[in-house]
Amino acid sequence: MSEHKDSTMDTDARTADEPAATEPAGQPLAAPEQLAERYRDILAGLGENPRREGLLDTPMRAAKAMQYLTRGYHQDLDSIVNGALFSSDNDEMVLLRDIELYSLCEHHLLPIIGKVHVAYLPNGKVIGLSKIARIVDMFAARLQIQESLTRQIAEALMEVTNAKGVGVVVDAKHMCMTMRGVEKQHSSMATSVMLGAFREDGRTRREFLNLIGGTGS
């Protein structure tokens, strides 16, 4: 049986030591050679021989891969959106469904894989469609827990569009649950954040959930 969790969060949930969603969160990057040396130590510590043929270049490959997978620490909302906001008299819901999600769990550094559904009610401006996906990617390319990731996406879109409301639902599988620990291969986790009209107006929330194939009241 699948395990399914739904969590609706609001902007008051941020802890005091957590940076605002739109602030770059990164520290200065280490050189790939430094990271590769650490991976070499890890391989040796696991009982492997880092000098054997198949592993000679693995530490550097792993270092470069990890830098790419956490590139979101060195991106910011302004550069991602890049001015792609356009005046519009549309006041109906804009929805982008099934945005592919790839992230890393901050507890085990194992993949989180799923989909994101994002909707907003314009308030005089609309955002370029690809920018929504890029906002998702920016926050996904950091070490994450799904609850925080969902909120960060919603708050960022709300900030940049000044929308009447934003709704975000994330449905994802966590390899830290499927590859290790309880090893529940068929479980998935759902989180939602509703801001503005999506939180205050049940009809708007139901329309959003119905459009993405869910249910709600």
C-alpha atoms as a PDB file:
ATOM      1  CA  MET A   1       0.000   0.000   0.000  1.00  0.00           C
ATOM      2  CA  SER A   2       1.259   3.446  -0.866  1.00  0.00           C
ATOM      3  CA  GLU A   3       2.053   5.834   1.936  1.00  0.00           C
ATOM      4  CA  HIS A   4       0.704   9.301   1.216  1.00  0.00           C
ATOM      5  CA  LYS A   5       1.203  12.455   3.218  1.00  0.00           C
ATOM      6  CA  ASP A   6      -0.354  15.849   2.592  1.00  0.00           C
ATOM      7  CA  SER A   7       0.836  18.968   4.368  1.00  0.00           C
ATOM      8  CA  THR A   8      -0.617  22.454   3.869  1.00  0.00           C
ATOM      9  CA  MET A   9       1.783  25.122   5.097  1.00  0.00           C
ATOM     10  CA  ASP A  10       1.731  28.906   5.222  1.00  0.00           C
ATOM     11  CA  THR A  11       4.340  31.616   5.307  1.00  0.00           C
ATOM     12  CA  ASP A  12       4.405  31.761   9.107  1.00  0.00           C
ATOM     13  CA  ALA A  13       6.025  28.336   9.237  1.00  0.00           C
ATOM     14  CA  ARG A  14       9.564  29.571   8.483  1.00  0.00           C
ATOM     15  CA  THR A  15      12.016  29.068  11.318  1.00  0.00           C
ATOM     16  CA  ALA A  16      14.073  32.000  12.551  1.00  0.00           C
ATOM     17  CA  ASP A  17      17.377  30.672  11.221  1.00  0.00           C
ATOM     18  CA  GLU A  18      16.065  29.728   7.766  1.00  0.00           C
ATOM     19  CA  PRO A  19      16.865  32.156   4.925  1.00  0.00           C
ATOM     20  CA  ALA A  20      14.063  33.765   2.956  1.00  0.00           C
ATOM     21  CA  ALA A  21      13.005  31.667  -0.004  1.00  0.00           C
ATOM     22  CA  THR A  22      14.404  34.050  -2.601  1.00  0.00           C
ATOM     23  CA  GLU A  23      17.826  34.636  -1.014  1.00  0.00           C
ATOM     24  CA  PRO A  24      20.836  32.816  -2.496  1.00  0.00           C
ATOM     25  CA  ALA A  25      21.793  30.286   0.167  1.00  0.00           C
ATOM     26  CA  GLY A  26      25.257  29.230  -0.969  1.00  0.00           C
ATOM     27  CA  GLN A  27      28.666  29.410   0.651  1.00  0.00           C
ATOM     28  CA  PRO A  28      31.799  29.872  -1.496  1.00  0.00           C
ATOM     29  CA  LEU A  29      32.358  26.904  -3.788  1.00  0.00           C
ATOM     30  CA  ALA A  30      35.245  24.529  -3.144  1.00  0.00           C
ATOM     31  CA  ALA A  31      37.387  23.605  -6.115  1.00  0.00           C
ATOM     32  CA  PRO A  32      36.328  20.353  -7.798  1.00  0.00           C
ATOM     33  CA  GLU A  33      39.740  18.908  -6.927  1.00  0.00           C
ATOM     34  CA  GLN A  34      39.068  19.435  -3.230  1.00  0.00           C
ATOM     35  CA  LEU A  35      35.690  17.744  -3.433  1.00  0.00           C
ATOM     36  CA  ALA A  36      37.157  14.901  -5.485  1.00  0.00           C
ATOM     37  CA  GLU A  37      39.696  14.221  -2.747  1.00  0.00           C
ATOM     38  CA  ARG A  38      36.869  13.897  -0.222  1.00  0.00           C
ATOM     39  CA  TYR A  39      35.069  11.433  -2.484  1.00  0.00           C
ATOM     40  CA  ARG A  40      38.305   9.477  -2.809  1.00  0.00           C
ATOM     41  CA  ASP A  41      38.459   9.253   0.978  1.00  0.00           C
ATOM     42  CA  ILE A  42      34.842   8.084   1.125  1.00  0.00           C
ATOM     43  CA  LEU A  43      35.500   5.310  -1.394  1.00  0.00           C
ATOM     44  CA  ALA A  44      38.514   4.146   0.583  1.00  0.00           C
ATOM     45  CA  GLY A  45      36.511   4.340   3.812  1.00  0.00           C
ATOM     46  CA  LEU A  46      33.852   2.074   2.276  1.00  0.00           C
ATOM     47  CA  GLY A  47      36.510  -0.554   1.616  1.00  0.00           C
ATOM     48  CA  GLU A  48      36.906   0.187  -2.082  1.00  0.00           C
ATOM     49  CA  ASN A  49      40.137   0.781  -3.943  1.00  0.00           C
ATOM     50  CA  PRO A  50      39.954   4.284  -5.484  1.00  0.00           C
ATOM     51  CA  ARG A  51      42.951   3.424  -7.662  1.00  0.00           C
ATOM     52  CA  ARG A  52      41.319   0.584  -9.546  1.00  0.00           C
ATOM     53  CA  GLU A  53      40.478   1.260 -13.183  1.00  0.00           C
ATOM     54  CA  GLY A  54      36.728   1.674 -12.811  1.00  0.00           C
ATOM     55  CA  LEU A  55      37.062   4.211  -9.991  1.00  0.00           C
ATOM     56  CA  LEU A  56      40.048   6.286 -11.105  1.00  0.00           C
ATOM     57  CA  ASP A  57      37.925   9.137 -12.435  1.00  0.00           C
ATOM     58  CA  THR A  58      34.896   8.577 -10.204  1.00  0.00           C
ATOM     59  CA  PRO A  59      35.832  11.102  -7.483  1.00  0.00           C
ATOM     60  CA  MET A  60      36.066  13.962  -9.980  1.00  0.00           C
ATOM     61  CA  ARG A  61      32.883  12.881 -11.762  1.00  0.00           C
ATOM     62  CA  ALA A  62      31.049  12.730  -8.436  1.00  0.00           C
ATOM     63  CA  ALA A  63      32.376  16.141  -7.385  1.00  0.00           C
ATOM     64  CA  LYS A  64      31.229  17.788 -10.611  1.00  0.00           C
ATOM     65  CA  ALA A  65      27.864  16.026 -10.439  1.00  0.00           C
ATOM     66  CA  MET A  66      27.265  17.207  -6.876  1.00  0.00           C
ATOM     67  CA  GLN A  67      28.160  20.779  -7.789  1.00  0.00           C
ATOM     68  CA  TYR A  68      25.642  20.639 -10.633  1.00  0.00           C
ATOM     69  CA  LEU A  69      22.931  19.059  -8.493  1.00  0.00           C
ATOM     70  CA  THR A  70      23.320  21.854  -5.906  1.00  0.00           C
ATOM     71  CA  ARG A  71      23.720  24.736  -8.362  1.00  0.00           C
ATOM     72  CA  GLY A  72      20.583  26.340  -6.955  1.00  0.00           C
ATOM     73  CA  TYR A  73      22.572  27.667  -4.002  1.00  0.00           C
ATOM     74  CA  HIS A  74      24.269  30.050  -6.404  1.00  0.00           C
ATOM     75  CA  GLN A  75      21.189  31.205  -8.308  1.00  0.00           C
ATOM     76  CA  ASP A  76      18.736  33.929  -7.328  1.00  0.00           C
ATOM     77  CA  LEU A  77      15.176  34.778  -8.236  1.00  0.00           C
ATOM     78  CA  ASP A  78      15.941  38.011 -10.098  1.00  0.00           C
ATOM     79  CA  SER A  79      18.370  36.356 -12.493  1.00  0.00           C
ATOM     80  CA  ILE A  80      16.068  33.368 -13.005  1.00  0.00           C
ATOM     81  CA  VAL A  81      13.024  35.520 -13.885  1.00  0.00           C
ATOM     82  CA  ASN A  82      15.151  38.021 -15.828  1.00  0.00           C
ATOM     83  CA  GLY A  83      12.345  40.530 -16.232  1.00  0.00           C
ATOM     84  CA  ALA A  84       9.928  38.098 -17.891  1.00  0.00           C
ATOM     85  CA  LEU A  85       6.799  39.711 -16.425  1.00  0.00           C
ATOM     86  CA  PHE A  86       4.147  41.017 -18.790  1.00  0.00           C
ATOM     87  CA  SER A  87       1.092  43.209 -18.293  1.00  0.00           C
ATOM     88  CA  SER A  88      -2.178  41.329 -18.655  1.00  0.00           C
ATOM     89  CA  ASP A  89      -5.847  41.840 -17.883  1.00  0.00           C
ATOM     90  CA  ASN A  90      -6.326  38.099 -17.399  1.00  0.00           C
ATOM     91  CA  ASP A  91      -7.606  37.340 -13.907  1.00  0.00           C
ATOM     92  CA  GLU A  92      -8.274  33.623 -14.384  1.00  0.00           C
ATOM     93  CA  MET A  93      -6.146  30.831 -13.023  1.00  0.00           C
ATOM     94  CA  VAL A  94      -2.855  30.015 -14.753  1.00  0.00           C
ATOM     95  CA  LEU A  95      -1.732  26.437 -14.143  1.00  0.00           C
ATOM     96  CA  LEU A  96       1.442  24.586 -15.078  1.00  0.00           C
ATOM     97  CA  ARG A  97       1.133  20.872 -14.358  1.00  0.00           C
ATOM     98  CA  ASP A  98       3.547  17.970 -14.185  1.00  0.00           C
ATOM     99  CA  ILE A  99       6.792  19.915 -13.873  1.00  0.00           C
ATOM    100  CA  GLU A 100       9.515  17.303 -13.484  1.00  0.00           C
ATOM    101  CA  LEU A 101      11.271  17.445 -10.122  1.00  0.00           C
ATOM    102  CA  TYR A 102      14.709  16.140  -9.244  1.00  0.00           C
ATOM    103  CA  SER A 103      16.206  17.088  -5.897  1.00  0.00           C
ATOM    104  CA  LEU A 104      18.357  15.672  -3.090  1.00  0.00           C
ATOM    105  CA  CYS A 105      17.175  14.859   0.417  1.00  0.00           C
ATOM    106  CA  GLU A 106      19.165  16.921   2.916  1.00  0.00           C
ATOM    107  CA  HIS A 107      19.194  14.061   5.423  1.00  0.00           C
ATOM    108  CA  HIS A 108      20.737  11.292   3.297  1.00  0.00           C
ATOM    109  CA  LEU A 109      21.789  13.030   0.053  1.00  0.00           C
ATOM    110  CA  LEU A 110      19.568  10.636  -1.875  1.00  0.00           C
ATOM    111  CA  PRO A 111      17.261  11.616  -4.755  1.00  0.00           C
ATOM    112  CA  ILE A 112      13.758  13.017  -4.503  1.00  0.00           C
ATOM    113  CA  ILE A 113      11.933  12.440  -7.801  1.00  0.00           C
ATOM    114  CA  GLY A 114       8.462  13.615  -8.664  1.00  0.00           C
ATOM    115  CA  LYS A 115       6.220  16.267 -10.175  1.00  0.00           C
ATOM    116  CA  VAL A 116       5.195  19.789  -9.237  1.00  0.00           C
ATOM    117  CA  HIS A 117       1.920  21.523 -10.053  1.00  0.00           C
ATOM    118  CA  VAL A 118       1.905  25.322  -9.819  1.00  0.00           C
ATOM    119  CA  ALA A 119      -1.015  27.717 -10.248  1.00  0.00           C
ATOM    120  CA  TYR A 120      -1.547  31.422  -9.649  1.00  0.00           C
ATOM    121  CA  LEU A 121      -4.212  34.094 -10.074  1.00  0.00           C
ATOM    122  CA  PRO A 122      -2.707  37.044 -11.982  1.00  0.00           C
ATOM    123  CA  ASN A 123      -2.946  40.514 -10.534  1.00  0.00           C
ATOM    124  CA  GLY A 124      -2.157  42.673 -13.564  1.00  0.00           C
ATOM    125  CA  LYS A 125       0.925  40.727 -14.660  1.00  0.00           C
ATOM    126  CA  VAL A 126       1.756  37.249 -15.914  1.00  0.00           C
ATOM    127  CA  ILE A 127       5.124  35.528 -15.776  1.00  0.00           C
ATOM    128  CA  GLY A 128       6.809  33.776 -18.696  1.00  0.00           C
ATOM    129  CA  LEU A 129       5.764  30.142 -18.520  1.00  0.00           C
ATOM    130  CA  SER A 130       9.263  28.683 -18.585  1.00  0.00           C
ATOM    131  CA  LYS A 131      10.203  30.854 -15.611  1.00  0.00           C
ATOM    132  CA  ILE A 132       7.853  28.874 -13.377  1.00  0.00           C
ATOM    133  CA  ALA A 133       9.745  25.697 -14.244  1.00  0.00           C
ATOM    134  CA  ARG A 134      13.047  27.492 -13.702  1.00  0.00           C
ATOM    135  CA  ILE A 135      11.939  28.642 -10.246  1.00  0.00           C
ATOM    136  CA  VAL A 136      11.108  25.028  -9.413  1.00  0.00           C
ATOM    137  CA  ASP A 137      14.529  23.911 -10.663  1.00  0.00           C
ATOM    138  CA  MET A 138      16.371  26.587  -8.676  1.00  0.00           C
ATOM    139  CA  PHE A 139      14.942  25.426  -5.368  1.00  0.00           C
ATOM    140  CA  ALA A 140      15.123  21.745  -6.303  1.00  0.00           C
ATOM    141  CA  ALA A 141      18.850  22.118  -6.998  1.00  0.00           C
ATOM    142  CA  ARG A 142      19.560  22.469  -3.277  1.00  0.00           C
ATOM    143  CA  LEU A 143      19.586  19.975  -0.422  1.00  0.00           C
ATOM    144  CA  GLN A 144      15.929  19.852   0.559  1.00  0.00           C
ATOM    145  CA  ILE A 145      13.043  18.471   2.487  1.00  0.00           C
ATOM    146  CA  GLN A 146       9.870  18.403   0.445  1.00  0.00           C
ATOM    147  CA  GLU A 147       7.880  20.537   2.874  1.00  0.00           C
ATOM    148  CA  SER A 148      10.333  23.444   2.590  1.00  0.00           C
ATOM    149  CA  LEU A 149      10.731  23.043  -1.164  1.00  0.00           C
ATOM    150  CA  THR A 150       6.978  23.370  -1.679  1.00  0.00           C
ATOM    151  CA  ARG A 151       6.768  26.536   0.398  1.00  0.00           C
ATOM    152  CA  GLN A 152       9.823  28.121  -1.230  1.00  0.00           C
ATOM    153  CA  ILE A 153       8.355  27.680  -4.718  1.00  0.00           C
ATOM    154  CA  ALA A 154       5.013  29.172  -3.648  1.00  0.00           C
ATOM    155  CA  GLU A 155       6.508  32.162  -1.838  1.00  0.00           C
ATOM    156  CA  ALA A 156       8.893  32.941  -4.686  1.00  0.00           C
ATOM    157  CA  LEU A 157       6.118  32.973  -7.285  1.00  0.00           C
ATOM    158  CA  MET A 158       3.946  35.091  -5.002  1.00  0.00           C
ATOM    159  CA  GLU A 159       6.777  37.570  -4.496  1.00  0.00           C
ATOM    160  CA  VAL A 160       7.728  37.964  -8.126  1.00  0.00           C
ATOM    161  CA  THR A 161       4.198  38.163  -9.575  1.00  0.00           C
ATOM    162  CA  ASN A 162       2.339  39.877  -6.711  1.00  0.00           C
ATOM    163  CA  ALA A 163      -0.430  37.421  -7.579  1.00  0.00           C
ATOM    164  CA  LYS A 164      -3.821  37.310  -5.887  1.00  0.00           C
ATOM    165  CA  GLY A 165      -2.978  33.787  -4.867  1.00  0.00           C
ATOM    166  CA  VAL A 166      -0.599  30.884  -5.488  1.00  0.00           C
ATOM    167  CA  GLY A 167      -1.092  27.147  -5.127  1.00  0.00           C
ATOM    168  CA  VAL A 168       1.679  24.536  -5.263  1.00  0.00           C
ATOM    169  CA  VAL A 169       1.390  20.765  -4.943  1.00  0.00           C
ATOM    170  CA  VAL A 170       4.414  18.455  -4.995  1.00  0.00           C
ATOM    171  CA  ASP A 171       4.084  14.678  -5.348  1.00  0.00           C
ATOM    172  CA  ALA A 172       7.374  12.819  -5.093  1.00  0.00           C
ATOM    173  CA  LYS A 173       9.153   9.592  -4.238  1.00  0.00           C
ATOM    174  CA  HIS A 174      12.029   9.668  -1.777  1.00  0.00           C
ATOM    175  CA  MET A 175      14.903   7.269  -2.386  1.00  0.00           C
ATOM    176  CA  CYS A 176      15.793   7.493   1.312  1.00  0.00           C
ATOM    177  CA  MET A 177      12.570   5.515   1.880  1.00  0.00           C
ATOM    178  CA  THR A 178      12.787   3.175  -1.097  1.00  0.00           C
ATOM    179  CA  MET A 179      16.502   2.292  -1.250  1.00  0.00           C
ATOM    180  CA  ARG A 180      17.199   2.118   2.488  1.00  0.00           C
ATOM    181  CA  GLY A 181      15.463   2.284   5.850  1.00  0.00           C
ATOM    182  CA  VAL A 182      11.873   0.994   5.610  1.00  0.00           C
ATOM    183  CA  GLU A 183      12.340   0.231   1.863  1.00  0.00           C
ATOM    184  CA  LYS A 184       8.777   1.083   0.804  1.00  0.00           C
ATOM    185  CA  GLN A 185       9.111   1.163  -2.974  1.00  0.00           C
ATOM    186  CA  HIS A 186       5.533   2.214  -3.704  1.00  0.00           C
ATOM    187  CA  SER A 187       5.201   5.103  -1.261  1.00  0.00           C
ATOM    188  CA  SER A 188       4.974   8.734  -2.307  1.00  0.00           C
ATOM    189  CA  MET A 189       4.672  12.005  -0.456  1.00  0.00           C
ATOM    190  CA  ALA A 190       2.370  14.891  -1.290  1.00  0.00           C
ATOM    191  CA  THR A 191       2.775  18.413   0.059  1.00  0.00           C
ATOM    192  CA  SER A 192       0.779  21.524  -0.695  1.00  0.00           C
ATOM    193  CA  VAL A 193       1.063  25.229  -0.010  1.00  0.00           C
ATOM    194  CA  MET A 194      -1.870  27.554  -0.653  1.00  0.00           C
ATOM    195  CA  LEU A 195      -1.342  31.311  -0.455  1.00  0.00           C
ATOM    196  CA  GLY A 196      -3.782  34.200  -0.852  1.00  0.00           C
ATOM    197  CA  ALA A 197      -6.982  33.319  -2.688  1.00  0.00           C
ATOM    198  CA  PHE A 198      -6.016  29.647  -2.866  1.00  0.00           C
ATOM    199  CA  ARG A 199      -6.022  29.495   0.924  1.00  0.00           C
ATOM    200  CA  GLU A 200      -8.965  31.827   1.551  1.00  0.00           C
ATOM    201  CA  ASP A 201     -11.380  30.759  -1.187  1.00  0.00           C
ATOM    202  CA  GLY A 202     -12.494  27.137  -1.200  1.00  0.00           C
ATOM    203  CA  ARG A 203     -13.790  27.388  -4.777  1.00  0.00           C
ATOM    204  CA  THR A 204     -10.397  28.484  -6.097  1.00  0.00           C
ATOM    205  CA  ARG A 205      -8.667  25.748  -4.152  1.00  0.00           C
ATOM    206  CA  ARG A 206     -11.096  23.098  -5.425  1.00  0.00           C
ATOM    207  CA  GLU A 207     -10.681  24.256  -9.024  1.00  0.00           C
ATOM    208  CA  PHE A 208      -6.911  23.915  -8.707  1.00  0.00           C
ATOM    209  CA  LEU A 209      -7.057  20.477  -7.092  1.00  0.00           C
ATOM    210  CA  ASN A 210      -9.618  19.244  -9.626  1.00  0.00           C
ATOM    211  CA  LEU A 211      -7.474  20.428 -12.532  1.00  0.00           C
ATOM    212  CA  ILE A 212      -4.473  18.481 -11.282  1.00  0.00           C
ATOM    213  CA  GLY A 213      -6.607  15.415 -10.626  1.00  0.00           C
ATOM    214  CA  GLY A 214      -6.907  15.727  -6.848  1.00  0.00           C
ATOM    215  CA  THR A 215      -9.723  16.353  -4.449  1.00  0.00           C
ATOM    216  CA  GLY A 216     -10.242  18.940  -1.764  1.00  0.00           C
ATOM    217  CA  SER A 217     -12.726  21.063   0.106  1.00  0.00           C
END
